[in-house]
N, C-alpha and C. Protein backbone atom coordinates (compact mmCIF):
# COMPACT_ATOMS: atom_id res chain seq x y z
N MET A 1 -2.38 -16.26 13.30
CA MET A 1 -1.54 -16.77 12.16
C MET A 1 -0.36 -15.96 11.96
N LYS A 2 0.76 -16.19 12.75
CA LYS A 2 2.16 -15.50 12.97
C LYS A 2 2.90 -15.90 11.64
N ARG A 3 3.45 -15.21 10.95
CA ARG A 3 4.40 -15.26 9.47
C ARG A 3 5.45 -14.74 9.65
N LYS A 4 6.51 -15.63 8.85
CA LYS A 4 7.90 -15.31 9.06
C LYS A 4 8.15 -13.72 8.71
N ILE A 5 7.21 -13.49 7.52
CA ILE A 5 7.51 -12.06 6.93
C ILE A 5 7.30 -10.83 8.23
N ALA A 6 6.80 -11.36 9.21
CA ALA A 6 6.60 -10.11 10.03
C ALA A 6 7.74 -9.56 10.52
N GLY A 7 8.83 -9.92 10.55
CA GLY A 7 10.37 -9.47 10.89
C GLY A 7 11.03 -8.41 9.88
N ASN A 8 10.26 -9.05 8.47
CA ASN A 8 10.76 -8.03 7.29
C ASN A 8 9.68 -6.67 7.41
N LEU A 9 8.54 -7.05 7.82
CA LEU A 9 7.73 -6.04 8.04
C LEU A 9 8.34 -4.88 8.81
N LEU A 10 8.22 -5.43 10.22
CA LEU A 10 9.03 -4.62 11.11
C LEU A 10 10.16 -3.87 10.45
N SER A 11 11.20 -4.35 9.99
CA SER A 11 12.58 -3.82 9.54
C SER A 11 12.01 -2.74 8.46
N TRP A 12 11.26 -2.95 7.98
CA TRP A 12 10.73 -1.82 6.88
C TRP A 12 9.93 -0.74 7.49
N LYS A 13 9.05 -1.10 8.57
CA LYS A 13 8.44 0.30 9.49
C LYS A 13 9.63 0.97 9.65
N ASN A 14 10.73 0.47 10.46
CA ASN A 14 11.72 0.84 11.05
C ASN A 14 12.67 1.78 10.53
N ASN A 15 13.00 1.16 9.06
CA ASN A 15 14.03 1.93 8.13
C ASN A 15 13.85 3.59 7.87
N PRO A 16 14.66 4.21 8.39
CA PRO A 16 14.73 5.65 7.90
C PRO A 16 14.49 6.02 6.56
N LYS A 17 14.79 5.03 5.68
CA LYS A 17 14.69 5.36 4.07
C LYS A 17 13.95 4.75 3.53
N ARG A 18 13.17 4.09 4.33
CA ARG A 18 11.61 3.34 3.87
C ARG A 18 11.09 3.98 2.70
N LYS A 19 10.59 3.36 1.76
CA LYS A 19 9.57 3.64 0.60
C LYS A 19 8.23 3.04 0.92
N PRO A 20 7.28 3.38 0.36
CA PRO A 20 6.19 2.51 0.17
C PRO A 20 6.57 1.01 -0.08
N LEU A 21 5.51 0.41 0.48
CA LEU A 21 5.75 -1.02 0.38
C LEU A 21 5.13 -1.73 -0.77
N LEU A 22 5.47 -2.66 -1.65
CA LEU A 22 4.70 -3.35 -2.20
C LEU A 22 4.64 -4.92 -2.12
N LEU A 23 3.69 -5.42 -1.59
CA LEU A 23 3.65 -6.94 -0.96
C LEU A 23 3.29 -7.83 -1.87
N GLN A 24 3.98 -8.43 -2.76
CA GLN A 24 3.37 -9.20 -3.65
C GLN A 24 3.34 -10.66 -3.33
N GLY A 25 2.53 -11.29 -4.20
CA GLY A 25 2.17 -12.76 -4.05
C GLY A 25 0.61 -13.43 -4.35
N ALA A 26 1.01 -14.58 -4.71
CA ALA A 26 -0.51 -15.28 -5.31
C ALA A 26 -1.71 -14.99 -4.51
N ARG A 27 -2.73 -14.93 -5.54
CA ARG A 27 -4.12 -14.96 -4.51
C ARG A 27 -4.33 -16.05 -3.41
N GLN A 28 -4.66 -15.35 -2.38
CA GLN A 28 -5.23 -16.08 -1.30
C GLN A 28 -4.00 -16.89 -0.60
N VAL A 29 -3.02 -16.04 -0.40
CA VAL A 29 -1.80 -16.43 0.58
C VAL A 29 -1.63 -15.29 1.84
N GLY A 30 -2.57 -14.56 2.11
CA GLY A 30 -2.50 -13.87 3.16
C GLY A 30 -2.05 -12.61 3.17
N LYS A 31 -1.81 -11.97 2.13
CA LYS A 31 -1.26 -10.69 1.92
C LYS A 31 -1.93 -9.63 2.79
N SER A 32 -3.49 -9.61 2.36
CA SER A 32 -4.23 -8.87 3.20
C SER A 32 -4.35 -9.04 4.60
N TYR A 33 -4.32 -10.19 5.16
CA TYR A 33 -4.52 -10.68 6.22
C TYR A 33 -3.09 -10.17 7.16
N THR A 34 -2.16 -10.52 6.85
CA THR A 34 -0.85 -10.19 6.87
C THR A 34 -0.27 -8.50 7.22
N LEU A 35 -0.82 -7.78 6.36
CA LEU A 35 -0.70 -6.63 6.47
C LEU A 35 -1.59 -5.71 7.52
N PHE A 36 -2.92 -6.45 7.47
CA PHE A 36 -3.88 -5.52 8.47
C PHE A 36 -3.42 -5.81 9.68
N SER A 37 -2.81 -7.29 10.12
CA SER A 37 -2.50 -7.87 11.35
C SER A 37 -1.25 -6.73 12.03
N PHE A 38 -0.25 -6.50 10.92
CA PHE A 38 0.99 -6.24 11.25
C PHE A 38 0.64 -4.59 11.45
N GLY A 39 -0.50 -3.82 10.73
CA GLY A 39 -0.97 -2.46 11.21
C GLY A 39 -1.70 -2.60 12.83
N LYS A 40 -2.37 -3.56 12.91
CA LYS A 40 -2.82 -3.33 14.37
C LYS A 40 -1.97 -3.60 15.42
N GLU A 41 -0.53 -4.41 14.88
CA GLU A 41 0.08 -4.55 16.23
C GLU A 41 1.06 -3.38 16.14
N GLN A 42 1.34 -2.71 15.23
CA GLN A 42 2.62 -1.74 14.98
C GLN A 42 2.11 -0.15 15.00
N TYR A 43 1.03 0.01 14.98
CA TYR A 43 0.61 1.42 14.51
C TYR A 43 -0.69 1.79 15.53
N LYS A 44 -1.00 3.04 15.87
CA LYS A 44 -2.14 3.37 16.18
C LYS A 44 -3.27 3.27 15.23
N ASN A 45 -3.03 3.35 14.03
CA ASN A 45 -4.61 3.48 13.28
C ASN A 45 -3.93 2.68 11.99
N VAL A 46 -4.83 1.96 11.04
CA VAL A 46 -4.66 1.48 9.95
C VAL A 46 -5.88 1.92 9.08
N ALA A 47 -5.62 2.46 7.83
CA ALA A 47 -6.76 2.71 6.71
C ALA A 47 -6.51 1.69 6.01
N TYR A 48 -7.63 1.13 5.37
CA TYR A 48 -7.64 -0.10 4.54
C TYR A 48 -8.48 0.28 3.41
N PHE A 49 -8.08 -0.02 2.17
CA PHE A 49 -8.80 0.41 1.29
C PHE A 49 -8.50 -0.63 -0.06
N SER A 50 -9.55 -1.43 -0.35
CA SER A 50 -9.53 -2.31 -1.53
C SER A 50 -9.77 -1.95 -2.70
N MET A 51 -8.72 -1.80 -3.75
CA MET A 51 -9.10 -1.03 -5.09
C MET A 51 -9.95 -2.03 -6.15
N GLU A 52 -10.12 -3.35 -5.48
CA GLU A 52 -11.35 -3.89 -6.17
C GLU A 52 -12.74 -3.82 -5.78
N ASN A 53 -13.01 -3.54 -4.63
CA ASN A 53 -14.40 -3.53 -3.97
C ASN A 53 -14.71 -2.51 -3.42
N SER A 54 -13.82 -1.41 -3.53
CA SER A 54 -14.51 -0.21 -3.08
C SER A 54 -14.91 0.80 -4.01
N THR A 55 -16.17 1.06 -4.37
CA THR A 55 -16.54 2.00 -5.32
C THR A 55 -16.01 3.67 -4.87
N GLY A 56 -15.48 4.36 -5.96
CA GLY A 56 -14.67 5.69 -5.68
C GLY A 56 -13.62 5.90 -5.15
N ILE A 57 -12.85 4.51 -4.46
CA ILE A 57 -11.62 4.80 -4.29
C ILE A 57 -10.42 5.10 -5.44
N SER A 58 -10.94 4.45 -6.28
CA SER A 58 -9.96 4.86 -7.61
C SER A 58 -10.01 6.17 -8.09
N ASP A 59 -11.07 6.70 -7.90
CA ASP A 59 -11.31 8.28 -8.42
C ASP A 59 -10.48 9.03 -7.57
N VAL A 60 -10.06 8.71 -6.27
CA VAL A 60 -9.29 9.71 -5.62
C VAL A 60 -7.91 10.15 -6.28
N PHE A 61 -7.32 8.85 -6.72
CA PHE A 61 -6.20 9.01 -7.78
C PHE A 61 -6.11 9.80 -8.90
N GLU A 62 -7.55 10.12 -9.40
CA GLU A 62 -7.48 10.56 -10.96
C GLU A 62 -7.04 11.98 -11.08
N ARG A 63 -7.55 12.75 -10.42
CA ARG A 63 -6.93 14.47 -10.36
C ARG A 63 -5.69 14.60 -10.46
N ASP A 64 -4.80 14.42 -9.44
CA ASP A 64 -3.51 14.41 -9.77
C ASP A 64 -2.85 13.58 -8.56
N MET A 65 -1.32 13.82 -8.70
CA MET A 65 -0.79 12.57 -7.62
C MET A 65 -0.23 13.58 -6.34
N ASN A 66 -0.96 14.45 -5.92
CA ASN A 66 -0.70 15.24 -4.64
C ASN A 66 -0.84 14.19 -3.43
N PRO A 67 0.40 13.86 -2.66
CA PRO A 67 0.12 12.91 -1.93
C PRO A 67 -0.83 13.55 -0.63
N GLU A 68 -0.68 14.94 -0.37
CA GLU A 68 -1.13 15.66 0.91
C GLU A 68 -2.95 15.45 0.55
N ARG A 69 -3.46 15.79 -0.66
CA ARG A 69 -4.52 15.77 -1.16
C ARG A 69 -5.20 14.43 -0.81
N ILE A 70 -4.51 13.15 -1.42
CA ILE A 70 -4.92 12.09 -1.57
C ILE A 70 -5.15 11.47 -0.31
N ILE A 71 -4.37 11.62 0.72
CA ILE A 71 -4.22 11.30 2.09
C ILE A 71 -5.54 12.15 2.61
N GLY A 72 -5.79 13.17 2.49
CA GLY A 72 -6.58 13.80 2.91
C GLY A 72 -8.39 13.38 2.78
N GLU A 73 -8.37 13.11 1.09
CA GLU A 73 -9.49 12.47 0.57
C GLU A 73 -9.77 11.07 1.35
N LEU A 74 -8.56 10.21 1.36
CA LEU A 74 -8.78 9.08 1.81
C LEU A 74 -8.95 9.14 3.30
N SER A 75 -8.65 9.84 4.21
CA SER A 75 -8.95 10.18 5.50
C SER A 75 -10.62 10.42 5.54
N ALA A 76 -11.17 11.21 4.91
CA ALA A 76 -12.29 11.58 4.65
C ALA A 76 -13.30 10.47 4.47
N ILE A 77 -12.68 9.65 3.47
CA ILE A 77 -13.69 8.47 2.97
C ILE A 77 -13.68 7.35 4.26
N SER A 78 -12.14 6.97 4.60
CA SER A 78 -12.31 5.97 5.81
C SER A 78 -12.85 6.17 7.16
N GLY A 79 -12.96 7.64 7.38
CA GLY A 79 -13.26 8.10 8.86
C GLY A 79 -11.99 7.91 9.76
N VAL A 80 -10.66 7.24 9.25
CA VAL A 80 -9.51 7.18 9.95
C VAL A 80 -8.76 8.35 9.78
N SER A 81 -8.06 8.95 11.04
CA SER A 81 -7.07 10.20 11.05
C SER A 81 -6.01 9.45 10.62
N ILE A 82 -5.42 9.69 9.27
CA ILE A 82 -4.02 9.19 8.57
C ILE A 82 -2.85 10.36 8.90
N LEU A 83 -2.17 9.83 9.94
CA LEU A 83 -1.26 10.53 10.66
C LEU A 83 0.25 10.19 10.45
N PRO A 84 0.96 11.16 9.57
CA PRO A 84 2.63 10.31 9.38
C PRO A 84 3.19 9.92 10.52
N ASP A 85 3.77 8.62 10.36
CA ASP A 85 4.40 7.95 11.12
C ASP A 85 3.59 7.10 12.20
N ASP A 86 2.32 7.26 12.21
CA ASP A 86 1.32 6.56 13.01
C ASP A 86 0.14 5.92 12.50
N THR A 87 0.13 5.98 11.34
CA THR A 87 -1.06 5.24 10.43
C THR A 87 -0.27 4.03 9.41
N LEU A 88 -1.08 2.95 9.26
CA LEU A 88 -0.33 2.03 8.03
C LEU A 88 -1.78 2.36 7.13
N VAL A 89 -1.33 2.88 5.99
CA VAL A 89 -2.35 2.97 5.01
C VAL A 89 -2.22 1.72 3.76
N ILE A 90 -3.14 0.90 3.56
CA ILE A 90 -2.90 -0.27 3.02
C ILE A 90 -3.85 -0.44 1.78
N PHE A 91 -3.28 -0.18 0.70
CA PHE A 91 -3.91 -0.20 -0.83
C PHE A 91 -3.79 -1.82 -1.25
N ASP A 92 -5.23 -2.37 -0.89
CA ASP A 92 -4.99 -3.77 -1.14
C ASP A 92 -5.76 -4.32 -2.85
N GLU A 93 -5.05 -4.90 -3.22
CA GLU A 93 -5.36 -5.55 -4.73
C GLU A 93 -4.94 -4.24 -5.46
N VAL A 94 -3.97 -3.58 -5.52
CA VAL A 94 -3.49 -2.38 -6.05
C VAL A 94 -3.36 -2.44 -7.60
N GLN A 95 -3.25 -3.71 -8.11
CA GLN A 95 -3.31 -3.91 -9.67
C GLN A 95 -4.35 -3.53 -10.31
N ALA A 96 -5.34 -3.35 -9.47
CA ALA A 96 -6.88 -2.95 -10.08
C ALA A 96 -7.08 -1.38 -10.32
N SER A 97 -5.85 -0.52 -9.68
CA SER A 97 -5.73 0.86 -9.99
C SER A 97 -4.60 1.35 -10.32
N GLU A 98 -4.49 1.51 -11.67
CA GLU A 98 -3.18 2.05 -12.36
C GLU A 98 -2.60 3.15 -11.68
N ARG A 99 -3.78 4.21 -11.46
CA ARG A 99 -3.25 5.39 -10.67
C ARG A 99 -2.81 5.07 -9.27
N ALA A 100 -3.47 4.33 -8.43
CA ALA A 100 -2.82 4.21 -7.12
C ALA A 100 -1.46 3.50 -7.04
N LEU A 101 -1.38 2.54 -7.91
CA LEU A 101 -0.08 1.84 -8.22
C LEU A 101 0.93 3.04 -8.42
N LEU A 102 0.77 3.95 -9.16
CA LEU A 102 1.67 5.21 -9.67
C LEU A 102 1.87 5.91 -8.65
N SER A 103 0.94 6.35 -7.60
CA SER A 103 0.90 7.23 -6.52
C SER A 103 2.33 6.78 -5.56
N LEU A 104 2.58 5.39 -5.64
CA LEU A 104 3.32 5.22 -4.77
C LEU A 104 4.98 5.70 -5.05
N LYS A 105 5.13 6.41 -6.16
CA LYS A 105 6.05 6.86 -6.70
C LYS A 105 6.31 8.30 -5.96
N TYR A 106 5.20 8.90 -6.07
CA TYR A 106 4.88 10.21 -5.40
C TYR A 106 5.05 10.45 -3.95
N PHE A 107 4.61 9.24 -3.40
CA PHE A 107 4.40 9.02 -1.95
C PHE A 107 6.18 9.04 -1.42
N ALA A 108 6.84 8.08 -2.12
CA ALA A 108 8.01 8.10 -2.00
C ALA A 108 8.87 9.40 -2.18
N GLU A 109 8.56 10.34 -3.31
CA GLU A 109 9.45 11.14 -3.53
C GLU A 109 9.13 12.31 -2.51
N ARG A 110 7.67 12.59 -2.28
CA ARG A 110 7.02 13.86 -1.65
C ARG A 110 6.44 13.64 -0.28
N ALA A 111 6.26 12.68 0.24
CA ALA A 111 5.56 12.43 1.32
C ALA A 111 6.15 11.28 2.05
N PRO A 112 7.14 10.94 2.30
CA PRO A 112 8.06 9.65 2.80
C PRO A 112 7.55 9.16 4.31
N ARG A 113 6.99 10.21 4.92
CA ARG A 113 6.77 10.11 6.42
C ARG A 113 5.24 8.82 6.31
N TYR A 114 4.52 9.16 5.13
CA TYR A 114 3.44 8.30 5.28
C TYR A 114 3.67 6.72 5.19
N HIS A 115 3.40 5.67 5.90
CA HIS A 115 3.65 4.53 5.90
C HIS A 115 2.44 4.03 4.88
N ILE A 116 2.77 3.55 3.87
CA ILE A 116 2.06 3.13 2.67
C ILE A 116 2.43 1.49 2.25
N ALA A 117 1.44 0.80 2.23
CA ALA A 117 1.64 -0.56 1.99
C ALA A 117 0.64 -1.18 0.91
N ALA A 118 1.27 -1.60 -0.44
CA ALA A 118 0.15 -1.91 -1.21
C ALA A 118 0.47 -3.43 -1.44
N ALA A 119 -0.75 -4.26 -1.46
CA ALA A 119 -0.72 -5.84 -1.88
C ALA A 119 -1.39 -5.92 -2.96
N GLY A 120 -0.52 -6.78 -3.90
CA GLY A 120 -1.06 -7.31 -5.19
C GLY A 120 -0.53 -8.60 -5.44
N SER A 121 -1.42 -9.43 -6.44
CA SER A 121 -1.24 -10.29 -7.14
C SER A 121 -0.92 -10.37 -8.40
N LEU A 122 -0.24 -11.28 -8.84
CA LEU A 122 0.22 -11.03 -10.47
C LEU A 122 0.35 -9.81 -11.19
N LEU A 123 0.86 -8.67 -10.58
CA LEU A 123 1.17 -7.39 -11.01
C LEU A 123 1.85 -7.22 -12.27
N GLY A 124 2.60 -8.14 -12.41
CA GLY A 124 3.39 -8.35 -13.66
C GLY A 124 2.46 -8.50 -15.05
N VAL A 125 1.51 -9.28 -14.70
CA VAL A 125 0.63 -10.26 -15.78
C VAL A 125 -0.63 -8.83 -15.75
N ALA A 126 -1.41 -8.90 -14.52
CA ALA A 126 -2.60 -8.50 -14.38
C ALA A 126 -2.43 -6.76 -14.49
N MET A 127 -1.59 -6.12 -14.47
CA MET A 127 -1.43 -4.63 -14.24
C MET A 127 -1.26 -4.10 -15.79
N LYS A 128 -2.20 -3.20 -16.45
CA LYS A 128 -2.45 -3.16 -17.82
C LYS A 128 -1.38 -2.17 -18.30
N ARG A 129 -0.99 -1.01 -17.25
CA ARG A 129 0.04 -0.08 -17.27
C ARG A 129 -0.15 0.64 -19.10
N GLU A 130 -1.09 0.78 -19.05
CA GLU A 130 -1.49 1.36 -20.72
C GLU A 130 -0.71 2.84 -20.71
N ARG A 131 -1.17 3.62 -19.98
CA ARG A 131 -0.33 5.14 -19.63
C ARG A 131 0.57 5.33 -18.37
N TYR A 132 0.83 4.33 -17.73
CA TYR A 132 1.64 5.00 -16.74
C TYR A 132 2.65 3.80 -16.42
N SER A 133 3.92 3.94 -15.92
CA SER A 133 5.13 3.04 -15.99
C SER A 133 4.96 2.63 -14.56
N PHE A 134 5.50 1.53 -14.17
CA PHE A 134 5.53 0.83 -12.94
C PHE A 134 6.39 1.81 -12.26
N PRO A 135 6.23 1.96 -10.46
CA PRO A 135 7.20 2.73 -10.07
C PRO A 135 8.60 2.08 -9.37
N ALA A 136 8.88 1.72 -10.38
CA ALA A 136 10.41 1.02 -10.28
C ALA A 136 11.72 2.02 -9.36
N GLY A 137 12.16 1.41 -8.40
CA GLY A 137 13.14 2.03 -7.69
C GLY A 137 12.55 2.82 -6.48
N LYS A 138 11.09 3.25 -6.33
CA LYS A 138 10.35 4.07 -5.85
C LYS A 138 9.46 3.30 -4.55
N VAL A 139 9.70 1.83 -4.59
CA VAL A 139 9.11 1.21 -3.70
C VAL A 139 9.93 0.06 -3.21
N ASP A 140 9.58 -0.57 -1.89
CA ASP A 140 10.31 -1.60 -1.29
C ASP A 140 9.14 -2.89 -1.38
N MET A 141 10.16 -3.98 -1.95
CA MET A 141 8.99 -5.10 -2.26
C MET A 141 9.53 -6.28 -1.25
N LEU A 142 8.19 -6.95 -1.40
CA LEU A 142 8.47 -8.36 -0.57
C LEU A 142 7.68 -9.16 -1.09
N ARG A 143 8.02 -10.27 -1.32
CA ARG A 143 6.98 -11.43 -1.87
C ARG A 143 6.54 -12.61 -0.51
N LEU A 144 5.43 -12.51 -0.44
CA LEU A 144 4.80 -13.53 0.35
C LEU A 144 4.33 -14.95 -0.34
N HIS A 145 5.06 -15.86 0.49
CA HIS A 145 4.59 -17.14 -0.04
C HIS A 145 3.59 -17.85 0.90
N PRO A 146 3.36 -18.91 0.43
CA PRO A 146 2.12 -19.96 1.27
C PRO A 146 3.00 -20.36 2.24
N LYS A 147 1.86 -20.31 3.69
CA LYS A 147 2.62 -21.11 4.92
C LYS A 147 4.08 -20.40 5.12
N ARG A 148 4.80 -19.16 5.19
CA ARG A 148 5.89 -18.33 5.28
C ARG A 148 5.48 -17.32 6.42
């Protein structure tokens, strides 16, 4: 299933001023599939984390927002070597973890060599944002529509 968005994803990957990517779209339009396929084609490794279905993943973001520590723990959990520039890290259904969404800001500021892509649906509605603000200006955003 080749998507028109593939060119946008490749431009994002190759952009020297790349920030973490937030791929938005309605449920079931293929956000996860698109990111995972892109990762398999363009990177040596893909580390995938579901914020809804994986117990303990959200806990990684609770202690602090140190990107190097977060990467180390995610690498250990996934069994994937997460290397700068060579690994696509996917946070799927990121709206389920307020702290994971917040971490995108810190990856942009402190660890820009990591390629982080987050997928989320209904982020404006579903995200509680009770304690933390949306990382505005610290993420690159794309929207995936059905059949594109």
